[in-house]
Amino acid sequence: MSTREMTTANFTEMIGRGTVLIDWWAPRCGPCRAFAPIYEAVATKHPAVTFAKVNTEVEPGLAAAFQIRAIPTLTVFRDGILLFREVGMLPAAALEELIRRVAEVDMVDVRTKLAEAESSGATRVAI
């Protein structure tokens, strides 16, 4: 599967189920253009994972909502929960390892920790 364009209109639907990687990028960004073929190549190896791209110049509101201040930025959601965020390019091996580690996350434990944090007023949860 190749990458899919993510927009404000389809964002909630796309992140709601399964593992979703999002490459926040812009056409003017050299590192973004260099990361694109790596991201695309890894995407073809993982058809069960959604690989999305958000053009921050086309979707500035969505980028602002996620406080994207540098590109490329990679975020990873699983079942609608943000699990990972990093600025900069990742090599293919690191991207593969990230996908493996996200698949191993116990989402029941994550939801429990989030509920506990919410009830205590915490704004961040270590997973």
N, C-alpha and C. Protein backbone atom coordinates (compact mmCIF):
# COMPACT_ATOMS: atom_id res chain seq x y z
N MET A 1 0.85 -1.18 0.00
CA MET A 1 0.00 0.00 0.00
C MET A 1 0.89 1.23 0.00
N SER A 2 0.50 2.19 -0.75
CA SER A 2 1.26 3.44 -0.76
C SER A 2 0.71 4.38 0.30
N THR A 3 1.32 5.53 0.38
CA THR A 3 0.88 6.50 1.38
C THR A 3 -0.44 7.15 0.97
N ARG A 4 -1.13 7.67 1.97
CA ARG A 4 -2.41 8.34 1.72
C ARG A 4 -2.33 9.78 2.20
N GLU A 5 -3.00 10.66 1.49
CA GLU A 5 -3.06 12.06 1.90
C GLU A 5 -4.02 12.19 3.07
N MET A 6 -3.57 12.86 4.12
CA MET A 6 -4.41 13.11 5.28
C MET A 6 -4.77 14.60 5.29
N THR A 7 -6.04 14.87 5.56
CA THR A 7 -6.53 16.24 5.62
C THR A 7 -7.34 16.42 6.90
N THR A 8 -7.73 17.65 7.14
CA THR A 8 -8.60 17.92 8.29
C THR A 8 -9.88 17.10 8.17
N ALA A 9 -10.38 16.95 6.96
CA ALA A 9 -11.65 16.25 6.74
C ALA A 9 -11.56 14.75 7.04
N ASN A 10 -10.43 14.11 6.78
CA ASN A 10 -10.36 12.66 6.98
C ASN A 10 -9.48 12.25 8.17
N PHE A 11 -8.94 13.21 8.90
CA PHE A 11 -8.02 12.93 9.99
C PHE A 11 -8.63 11.98 11.04
N THR A 12 -9.75 12.34 11.61
CA THR A 12 -10.35 11.55 12.69
C THR A 12 -10.67 10.14 12.23
N GLU A 13 -11.21 10.01 11.05
CA GLU A 13 -11.52 8.68 10.51
C GLU A 13 -10.24 7.85 10.34
N MET A 14 -9.19 8.47 9.83
CA MET A 14 -7.96 7.72 9.55
C MET A 14 -7.24 7.26 10.81
N ILE A 15 -7.21 8.07 11.87
CA ILE A 15 -6.45 7.66 13.05
C ILE A 15 -7.24 6.76 14.00
N GLY A 16 -8.52 6.62 13.75
CA GLY A 16 -9.39 5.91 14.68
C GLY A 16 -9.13 4.43 14.87
N ARG A 17 -8.53 3.77 13.91
CA ARG A 17 -8.39 2.32 13.97
C ARG A 17 -7.02 1.89 13.49
N GLY A 18 -6.40 1.00 14.23
CA GLY A 18 -5.13 0.44 13.81
C GLY A 18 -3.96 1.38 14.00
N THR A 19 -2.85 1.04 13.38
CA THR A 19 -1.63 1.84 13.48
C THR A 19 -1.56 2.79 12.29
N VAL A 20 -1.32 4.05 12.60
CA VAL A 20 -1.26 5.09 11.57
C VAL A 20 0.00 5.93 11.78
N LEU A 21 0.87 5.91 10.80
CA LEU A 21 2.04 6.78 10.81
C LEU A 21 1.70 8.01 9.99
N ILE A 22 2.11 9.17 10.48
CA ILE A 22 1.85 10.41 9.75
C ILE A 22 3.16 11.15 9.53
N ASP A 23 3.46 11.40 8.28
CA ASP A 23 4.62 12.20 7.88
C ASP A 23 4.12 13.62 7.64
N TRP A 24 4.50 14.55 8.53
CA TRP A 24 4.16 15.95 8.39
C TRP A 24 5.27 16.58 7.56
N TRP A 25 4.93 17.15 6.41
CA TRP A 25 5.94 17.58 5.45
C TRP A 25 5.48 18.81 4.69
N ALA A 26 6.37 19.33 3.85
CA ALA A 26 6.03 20.42 2.93
C ALA A 26 6.93 20.29 1.70
N PRO A 27 6.42 20.67 0.54
CA PRO A 27 7.18 20.53 -0.71
C PRO A 27 8.50 21.32 -0.70
N ARG A 28 8.57 22.41 0.00
CA ARG A 28 9.76 23.26 0.01
C ARG A 28 10.87 22.70 0.90
N CYS A 29 10.60 21.64 1.65
CA CYS A 29 11.51 21.10 2.66
C CYS A 29 12.40 20.01 2.07
N GLY A 30 13.70 20.28 1.97
CA GLY A 30 14.65 19.30 1.44
C GLY A 30 14.67 18.00 2.21
N PRO A 31 14.78 18.02 3.55
CA PRO A 31 14.76 16.77 4.30
C PRO A 31 13.44 16.00 4.12
N CYS A 32 12.34 16.71 3.94
CA CYS A 32 11.05 16.05 3.69
C CYS A 32 11.10 15.28 2.37
N ARG A 33 11.64 15.92 1.36
CA ARG A 33 11.76 15.26 0.05
C ARG A 33 12.70 14.07 0.12
N ALA A 34 13.75 14.16 0.94
CA ALA A 34 14.69 13.04 1.10
C ALA A 34 14.06 11.88 1.86
N PHE A 35 13.20 12.18 2.82
CA PHE A 35 12.54 11.15 3.62
C PHE A 35 11.43 10.45 2.86
N ALA A 36 10.81 11.13 1.91
CA ALA A 36 9.65 10.59 1.19
C ALA A 36 9.88 9.21 0.59
N PRO A 37 10.98 8.94 -0.13
CA PRO A 37 11.15 7.60 -0.70
C PRO A 37 11.39 6.52 0.36
N ILE A 38 12.00 6.88 1.47
CA ILE A 38 12.19 5.93 2.58
C ILE A 38 10.83 5.55 3.14
N TYR A 39 10.03 6.56 3.41
CA TYR A 39 8.68 6.37 3.97
C TYR A 39 7.83 5.52 3.03
N GLU A 40 7.88 5.84 1.75
CA GLU A 40 7.10 5.10 0.75
C GLU A 40 7.56 3.64 0.66
N ALA A 41 8.86 3.41 0.69
CA ALA A 41 9.39 2.04 0.59
C ALA A 41 8.96 1.20 1.79
N VAL A 42 9.02 1.78 2.98
CA VAL A 42 8.60 1.04 4.17
C VAL A 42 7.09 0.81 4.12
N ALA A 43 6.34 1.77 3.63
CA ALA A 43 4.89 1.63 3.52
C ALA A 43 4.50 0.42 2.67
N THR A 44 5.24 0.16 1.62
CA THR A 44 4.90 -0.96 0.73
C THR A 44 5.09 -2.31 1.43
N LYS A 45 5.89 -2.34 2.49
CA LYS A 45 6.16 -3.59 3.22
C LYS A 45 5.15 -3.86 4.34
N HIS A 46 4.29 -2.89 4.64
CA HIS A 46 3.37 -3.01 5.77
C HIS A 46 1.95 -2.64 5.37
N PRO A 47 1.28 -3.51 4.62
CA PRO A 47 -0.08 -3.17 4.14
C PRO A 47 -1.12 -3.04 5.26
N ALA A 48 -0.86 -3.59 6.43
CA ALA A 48 -1.82 -3.50 7.53
C ALA A 48 -1.69 -2.18 8.30
N VAL A 49 -0.66 -1.41 8.01
CA VAL A 49 -0.41 -0.14 8.67
C VAL A 49 -0.77 0.99 7.70
N THR A 50 -1.40 2.04 8.21
CA THR A 50 -1.72 3.19 7.38
C THR A 50 -0.56 4.17 7.43
N PHE A 51 -0.05 4.54 6.26
CA PHE A 51 1.00 5.53 6.13
C PHE A 51 0.38 6.76 5.50
N ALA A 52 0.26 7.82 6.29
CA ALA A 52 -0.38 9.05 5.82
C ALA A 52 0.65 10.16 5.73
N LYS A 53 0.31 11.17 4.92
CA LYS A 53 1.14 12.35 4.77
C LYS A 53 0.25 13.58 4.91
N VAL A 54 0.73 14.55 5.68
CA VAL A 54 0.04 15.82 5.82
C VAL A 54 0.95 16.91 5.27
N ASN A 55 0.51 17.55 4.19
CA ASN A 55 1.23 18.68 3.64
C ASN A 55 0.89 19.89 4.52
N THR A 56 1.87 20.34 5.31
CA THR A 56 1.61 21.40 6.28
C THR A 56 1.31 22.74 5.62
N GLU A 57 1.67 22.90 4.35
CA GLU A 57 1.32 24.14 3.65
C GLU A 57 -0.13 24.14 3.19
N VAL A 58 -0.67 22.95 2.93
CA VAL A 58 -2.06 22.82 2.51
C VAL A 58 -2.98 22.71 3.73
N GLU A 59 -2.48 22.14 4.82
CA GLU A 59 -3.27 21.91 6.03
C GLU A 59 -2.64 22.62 7.24
N PRO A 60 -2.52 23.96 7.19
CA PRO A 60 -1.86 24.65 8.31
C PRO A 60 -2.65 24.55 9.61
N GLY A 61 -3.96 24.46 9.55
CA GLY A 61 -4.77 24.33 10.77
C GLY A 61 -4.52 23.01 11.47
N LEU A 62 -4.42 21.95 10.69
CA LEU A 62 -4.14 20.62 11.26
C LEU A 62 -2.73 20.61 11.85
N ALA A 63 -1.78 21.18 11.13
CA ALA A 63 -0.41 21.25 11.65
C ALA A 63 -0.36 22.07 12.94
N ALA A 64 -1.08 23.15 12.99
CA ALA A 64 -1.11 23.99 14.20
C ALA A 64 -1.75 23.24 15.37
N ALA A 65 -2.80 22.49 15.09
CA ALA A 65 -3.46 21.72 16.15
C ALA A 65 -2.52 20.72 16.80
N PHE A 66 -1.55 20.22 16.04
CA PHE A 66 -0.58 19.26 16.57
C PHE A 66 0.76 19.91 16.86
N GLN A 67 0.78 21.23 16.85
CA GLN A 67 1.97 22.00 17.18
C GLN A 67 3.19 21.55 16.38
N ILE A 68 2.97 21.36 15.09
CA ILE A 68 4.07 21.00 14.19
C ILE A 68 4.83 22.28 13.88
N ARG A 69 6.05 22.37 14.41
CA ARG A 69 6.85 23.58 14.24
C ARG A 69 8.10 23.33 13.40
N ALA A 70 8.39 22.06 13.16
CA ALA A 70 9.55 21.70 12.34
C ALA A 70 9.15 20.49 11.50
N ILE A 71 9.68 20.44 10.29
CA ILE A 71 9.37 19.32 9.41
C ILE A 71 10.66 18.77 8.83
N PRO A 72 10.69 17.50 8.51
CA PRO A 72 9.61 16.55 8.70
C PRO A 72 9.43 16.20 10.17
N THR A 73 8.21 15.91 10.54
CA THR A 73 7.88 15.36 11.85
C THR A 73 7.11 14.09 11.58
N LEU A 74 7.39 13.06 12.37
CA LEU A 74 6.68 11.79 12.26
C LEU A 74 5.88 11.58 13.53
N THR A 75 4.60 11.30 13.39
CA THR A 75 3.77 10.91 14.53
C THR A 75 3.20 9.53 14.25
N VAL A 76 2.92 8.80 15.33
CA VAL A 76 2.33 7.48 15.21
C VAL A 76 1.16 7.38 16.17
N PHE A 77 0.02 7.01 15.63
CA PHE A 77 -1.18 6.77 16.41
C PHE A 77 -1.50 5.28 16.36
N ARG A 78 -2.06 4.79 17.44
CA ARG A 78 -2.62 3.43 17.41
C ARG A 78 -3.97 3.51 18.08
N ASP A 79 -4.98 3.09 17.36
CA ASP A 79 -6.36 3.13 17.84
C ASP A 79 -6.74 4.51 18.37
N GLY A 80 -6.29 5.54 17.64
CA GLY A 80 -6.66 6.91 17.97
C GLY A 80 -5.82 7.56 19.05
N ILE A 81 -4.81 6.87 19.57
CA ILE A 81 -3.98 7.41 20.65
C ILE A 81 -2.58 7.68 20.12
N LEU A 82 -2.10 8.90 20.36
CA LEU A 82 -0.76 9.28 19.93
C LEU A 82 0.26 8.56 20.80
N LEU A 83 1.13 7.76 20.17
CA LEU A 83 2.15 7.02 20.89
C LEU A 83 3.56 7.52 20.64
N PHE A 84 3.78 8.23 19.53
CA PHE A 84 5.14 8.61 19.16
C PHE A 84 5.11 9.91 18.38
N ARG A 85 6.16 10.71 18.61
CA ARG A 85 6.33 11.96 17.86
C ARG A 85 7.81 12.29 17.83
N GLU A 86 8.34 12.52 16.64
CA GLU A 86 9.75 12.87 16.52
C GLU A 86 9.96 13.76 15.31
N VAL A 87 10.80 14.77 15.50
CA VAL A 87 11.16 15.66 14.41
C VAL A 87 12.39 15.09 13.71
N GLY A 88 12.39 15.15 12.39
CA GLY A 88 13.54 14.73 11.60
C GLY A 88 13.29 13.45 10.85
N MET A 89 14.24 13.14 9.99
CA MET A 89 14.16 11.93 9.17
C MET A 89 14.52 10.71 10.01
N LEU A 90 13.93 9.59 9.67
CA LEU A 90 14.33 8.31 10.25
C LEU A 90 14.84 7.43 9.12
N PRO A 91 15.90 6.68 9.36
CA PRO A 91 16.32 5.70 8.36
C PRO A 91 15.31 4.56 8.31
N ALA A 92 15.31 3.82 7.23
CA ALA A 92 14.34 2.73 7.05
C ALA A 92 14.38 1.74 8.21
N ALA A 93 15.57 1.37 8.68
CA ALA A 93 15.68 0.40 9.77
C ALA A 93 15.01 0.92 11.04
N ALA A 94 15.17 2.19 11.35
CA ALA A 94 14.54 2.78 12.53
C ALA A 94 13.03 2.82 12.37
N LEU A 95 12.56 3.11 11.18
CA LEU A 95 11.13 3.13 10.90
C LEU A 95 10.54 1.73 11.07
N GLU A 96 11.24 0.73 10.57
CA GLU A 96 10.81 -0.67 10.74
C GLU A 96 10.75 -1.04 12.22
N GLU A 97 11.76 -0.65 12.98
CA GLU A 97 11.79 -0.95 14.42
C GLU A 97 10.66 -0.24 15.14
N LEU A 98 10.38 0.99 14.77
CA LEU A 98 9.28 1.73 15.37
C LEU A 98 7.95 1.01 15.13
N ILE A 99 7.71 0.55 13.93
CA ILE A 99 6.47 -0.17 13.62
C ILE A 99 6.37 -1.43 14.47
N ARG A 100 7.48 -2.14 14.62
CA ARG A 100 7.49 -3.36 15.44
C ARG A 100 7.16 -3.03 16.90
N ARG A 101 7.78 -1.99 17.42
CA ARG A 101 7.56 -1.64 18.82
C ARG A 101 6.13 -1.14 19.07
N VAL A 102 5.58 -0.39 18.16
CA VAL A 102 4.21 0.10 18.31
C VAL A 102 3.23 -1.09 18.30
N ALA A 103 3.51 -2.09 17.48
CA ALA A 103 2.65 -3.28 17.43
C ALA A 103 2.66 -4.03 18.75
N GLU A 104 3.74 -3.92 19.51
CA GLU A 104 3.86 -4.64 20.78
C GLU A 104 3.24 -3.91 21.97
N VAL A 105 2.85 -2.66 21.78
CA VAL A 105 2.29 -1.87 22.87
C VAL A 105 0.97 -2.49 23.35
N ASP A 106 0.84 -2.62 24.65
CA ASP A 106 -0.38 -3.13 25.28
C ASP A 106 -1.37 -1.96 25.39
N MET A 107 -2.32 -1.90 24.48
CA MET A 107 -3.24 -0.76 24.44
C MET A 107 -4.19 -0.73 25.63
N VAL A 108 -4.47 -1.86 26.24
CA VAL A 108 -5.30 -1.88 27.45
C VAL A 108 -4.55 -1.12 28.55
N ASP A 109 -3.26 -1.40 28.68
CA ASP A 109 -2.43 -0.71 29.67
C ASP A 109 -2.37 0.79 29.36
N VAL A 110 -2.23 1.14 28.09
CA VAL A 110 -2.18 2.56 27.70
C VAL A 110 -3.48 3.25 28.09
N ARG A 111 -4.60 2.64 27.78
CA ARG A 111 -5.89 3.27 28.12
C ARG A 111 -6.06 3.41 29.63
N THR A 112 -5.58 2.42 30.39
CA THR A 112 -5.66 2.48 31.85
C THR A 112 -4.82 3.65 32.36
N LYS A 113 -3.59 3.78 31.86
CA LYS A 113 -2.72 4.88 32.27
C LYS A 113 -3.31 6.23 31.88
N LEU A 114 -3.90 6.31 30.71
CA LEU A 114 -4.53 7.57 30.29
C LEU A 114 -5.70 7.94 31.19
N ALA A 115 -6.52 6.95 31.55
CA ALA A 115 -7.65 7.20 32.43
C ALA A 115 -7.16 7.66 33.81
N GLU A 116 -6.12 7.02 34.32
CA GLU A 116 -5.56 7.41 35.62
C GLU A 116 -5.00 8.83 35.56
N ALA A 117 -4.30 9.14 34.49
CA ALA A 117 -3.72 10.47 34.33
C ALA A 117 -4.82 11.53 34.22
N GLU A 118 -5.87 11.21 33.50
CA GLU A 118 -6.98 12.15 33.36
C GLU A 118 -7.63 12.42 34.70
N SER A 119 -7.82 11.40 35.50
CA SER A 119 -8.47 11.58 36.79
C SER A 119 -7.57 12.34 37.77
N SER A 120 -6.25 12.29 37.58
CA SER A 120 -5.33 13.00 38.47
C SER A 120 -4.97 14.39 37.94
N GLY A 121 -5.39 14.70 36.73
CA GLY A 121 -5.11 16.00 36.14
C GLY A 121 -3.79 16.10 35.43
N ALA A 122 -3.10 14.98 35.24
CA ALA A 122 -1.80 14.99 34.54
C ALA A 122 -2.03 15.28 33.05
N THR A 123 -1.05 15.91 32.45
CA THR A 123 -1.18 16.24 31.02
C THR A 123 -0.36 15.32 30.14
N ARG A 124 0.55 14.52 30.72
CA ARG A 124 1.38 13.60 29.95
C ARG A 124 1.39 12.25 30.64
N VAL A 125 1.57 11.22 29.83
CA VAL A 125 1.63 9.86 30.36
C VAL A 125 2.85 9.18 29.75
N ALA A 126 3.65 8.56 30.59
CA ALA A 126 4.77 7.76 30.08
C ALA A 126 4.27 6.37 29.76
N ILE A 127 4.54 5.92 28.56
CA ILE A 127 4.06 4.61 28.13
C ILE A 127 5.24 3.70 27.94
